[in-house]
Amino acid sequence: MSSTSRNKRFIIGSIIILIQIIIFREYLFPFRSDQIVIEGQSCTCPHAKVVKGETYLESITPDSLKKYNLIYSEVYFENTISTPSDLMGVSTYLIEGEVVGKKSIAAGDKYSYPLIRIKEFKELMLYNLFSWSLYGLMTLELIVFILLLKRKSSKFR
């Protein structure tokens, strides 16, 4: 096998791996800065605790709401979260949404919490399971790719 053939295999293999990374980027990089991780949606007080994404939540808050003393560690939802495996929505979720207002626990409270309109949500346990499966498969694919390149190159030295 010539070095041109080896280079073609390297280029084709690299392109395939890059295409897979692009297609599955949402699962390969699960903690993007434009998402919020919440946990324990409840029926009283704020609906959920923010596990990750308080800074992002603050950055997407409209200027008209920034003048209030908003607490970003917990949030209220305009719409609810529910999945067949979690009817009450008490699991940990990865959400995308926008801040549409503020809400207090009781009228006249000094502090308020962001009110979020959820655009999309994913249950984090299932999301992480799929994500780690992809990491494993792509790592195995990369190892096989490297071994094939080494094997082919060592035969012709």
Protein backbone atom coordinates (compact mmCIF):
# COMPACT_ATOMS: atom_id res chain seq x y z
CA MET A 1 0.00 0.00 0.00
CA SER A 2 1.40 3.36 -0.97
CA SER A 3 1.54 6.40 1.22
CA THR A 4 -1.09 8.08 -1.00
CA SER A 5 -3.54 5.30 -0.24
CA ARG A 6 -2.72 5.60 3.48
CA ASN A 7 -3.26 9.37 3.30
CA LYS A 8 -6.63 8.85 1.60
CA ARG A 9 -7.72 6.48 4.38
CA PHE A 10 -6.56 8.98 6.99
CA ILE A 11 -8.49 11.82 5.33
CA ILE A 12 -11.65 9.75 4.84
CA GLY A 13 -11.52 8.41 8.43
CA SER A 14 -10.95 11.89 9.82
CA ILE A 15 -13.85 13.31 7.82
CA ILE A 16 -16.18 10.55 9.06
CA ILE A 17 -15.20 11.21 12.70
CA LEU A 18 -15.65 14.99 12.27
CA ILE A 19 -19.09 14.51 10.69
CA GLN A 20 -20.13 12.34 13.63
CA ILE A 21 -18.89 14.96 16.09
CA ILE A 22 -20.88 17.65 14.27
CA ILE A 23 -24.06 15.53 14.12
CA PHE A 24 -23.88 14.46 17.78
CA ARG A 25 -22.35 17.66 19.22
CA GLU A 26 -25.34 18.28 21.47
CA TYR A 27 -24.73 14.95 23.20
CA LEU A 28 -20.95 15.11 23.15
CA PHE A 29 -20.85 18.51 24.82
CA PRO A 30 -23.83 18.26 27.20
CA PHE A 31 -23.01 21.18 29.46
CA ARG A 32 -23.03 24.00 26.98
CA SER A 33 -23.21 27.48 28.40
CA ASP A 34 -26.60 28.15 26.83
CA GLN A 35 -28.48 25.54 28.86
CA ILE A 36 -29.70 25.31 32.40
CA VAL A 37 -29.72 22.23 34.64
CA ILE A 38 -32.59 22.18 37.12
CA GLU A 39 -33.63 19.65 39.72
CA GLY A 40 -36.57 18.82 41.93
CA GLN A 41 -39.56 20.55 40.45
CA SER A 42 -41.98 21.02 43.32
CA CYS A 43 -45.54 22.17 43.84
CA THR A 44 -44.86 24.98 46.31
CA CYS A 45 -42.51 27.95 46.40
CA PRO A 46 -40.19 28.09 43.36
CA HIS A 47 -40.74 25.18 41.01
CA ALA A 48 -37.12 24.05 40.73
CA LYS A 49 -33.59 24.53 42.02
CA VAL A 50 -30.97 25.64 39.46
CA VAL A 51 -28.04 23.19 39.61
CA LYS A 52 -26.04 24.77 36.79
CA GLY A 53 -26.57 27.84 34.65
CA GLU A 54 -27.27 30.68 37.10
CA THR A 55 -24.87 32.98 35.25
CA TYR A 56 -26.45 32.14 31.89
CA LEU A 57 -29.90 32.66 33.39
CA GLU A 58 -28.85 36.09 34.61
CA SER A 59 -27.42 36.96 31.19
CA ILE A 60 -30.68 36.12 29.36
CA THR A 61 -32.82 38.10 31.79
CA PRO A 62 -34.33 41.10 30.01
CA ASP A 63 -33.06 44.50 31.16
CA SER A 64 -36.55 45.42 32.33
CA LEU A 65 -36.32 42.66 34.98
CA LYS A 66 -32.75 43.26 36.10
CA LYS A 67 -33.83 46.17 38.30
CA TYR A 68 -35.57 43.70 40.65
CA ASN A 69 -33.77 41.61 43.25
CA LEU A 70 -34.00 38.32 41.36
CA ILE A 71 -32.65 35.17 42.96
CA TYR A 72 -31.28 32.86 40.25
CA SER A 73 -30.75 29.78 42.42
CA GLU A 74 -34.41 28.79 41.99
CA VAL A 75 -36.95 29.38 39.24
CA TYR A 76 -40.63 29.30 38.43
CA PHE A 77 -41.95 27.85 35.17
CA GLU A 78 -44.61 29.25 32.89
CA ASN A 79 -45.18 25.74 31.53
CA THR A 80 -44.51 22.44 33.30
CA ILE A 81 -42.15 19.55 32.72
CA SER A 82 -43.43 16.02 32.54
CA THR A 83 -42.22 12.82 30.91
CA PRO A 84 -43.72 9.31 30.88
CA SER A 85 -41.02 8.16 33.31
CA ASP A 86 -41.36 11.24 35.55
CA LEU A 87 -44.97 12.45 35.60
CA MET A 88 -44.37 14.95 38.41
CA GLY A 89 -41.20 16.40 36.86
CA VAL A 90 -39.00 15.92 39.93
CA SER A 91 -35.92 14.51 38.15
CA THR A 92 -32.93 16.50 36.99
CA TYR A 93 -33.49 18.19 33.62
CA LEU A 94 -31.48 20.03 31.04
CA ILE A 95 -33.65 22.92 29.85
CA GLU A 96 -33.55 25.63 27.25
CA GLY A 97 -35.84 28.58 27.64
CA GLU A 98 -36.24 32.28 28.12
CA VAL A 99 -36.93 34.50 31.10
CA VAL A 100 -40.37 36.03 30.57
CA GLY A 101 -41.06 37.58 33.94
CA LYS A 102 -40.62 37.33 37.69
CA LYS A 103 -42.61 35.72 40.45
CA SER A 104 -42.50 35.99 44.25
CA ILE A 105 -43.49 33.46 46.85
CA ALA A 106 -45.95 35.90 48.41
CA ALA A 107 -47.19 39.36 47.50
CA GLY A 108 -44.88 42.11 48.77
CA ASP A 109 -41.77 39.90 49.05
CA LYS A 110 -38.47 41.75 48.73
CA TYR A 111 -37.01 39.05 46.46
CA SER A 112 -38.38 37.45 43.32
CA TYR A 113 -37.45 34.48 41.16
CA PRO A 114 -37.18 34.32 37.37
CA LEU A 115 -40.22 33.00 35.51
CA ILE A 116 -39.05 30.82 32.63
CA ARG A 117 -40.86 29.76 29.48
CA ILE A 118 -39.36 26.36 28.66
CA LYS A 119 -38.67 25.80 24.97
CA GLU A 120 -37.09 22.37 25.26
CA PHE A 121 -36.17 19.96 28.04
CA LYS A 122 -34.42 16.62 28.39
CA GLU A 123 -34.29 14.30 31.36
CA LEU A 124 -30.63 14.38 32.34
CA MET A 125 -30.26 10.73 33.32
CA LEU A 126 -31.35 9.48 29.87
CA TYR A 127 -29.46 12.30 28.18
CA ASN A 128 -26.25 11.39 30.03
CA LEU A 129 -26.72 7.67 29.30
CA PHE A 130 -26.93 8.37 25.57
CA SER A 131 -24.10 10.89 25.79
CA TRP A 132 -21.71 8.50 27.55
CA SER A 133 -22.64 5.73 25.09
CA LEU A 134 -21.64 8.05 22.24
CA TYR A 135 -18.38 8.94 24.00
CA GLY A 136 -17.60 5.23 24.36
CA LEU A 137 -18.44 4.36 20.77
CA MET A 138 -16.50 7.27 19.33
CA THR A 139 -13.49 6.52 21.55
CA LEU A 140 -13.56 2.89 20.40
CA GLU A 141 -13.87 4.07 16.79
CA LEU A 142 -10.91 6.42 17.23
CA ILE A 143 -8.76 3.66 18.77
CA VAL A 144 -9.58 1.27 15.91
CA PHE A 145 -8.85 4.03 13.39
CA ILE A 146 -5.44 4.76 14.98
CA LEU A 147 -4.57 1.05 15.20
CA LEU A 148 -5.47 0.55 11.53
CA LEU A 149 -3.30 3.50 10.54
CA LYS A 150 -0.38 2.19 12.60
CA ARG A 151 -0.78 -1.36 11.32
CA LYS A 152 -0.86 -0.29 7.69
CA SER A 153 2.12 2.04 8.10
CA SER A 154 4.27 -0.52 9.99
CA LYS A 155 3.82 -3.18 7.27
CA PHE A 156 5.59 -1.09 4.66
CA ARG A 157 8.64 0.15 6.53
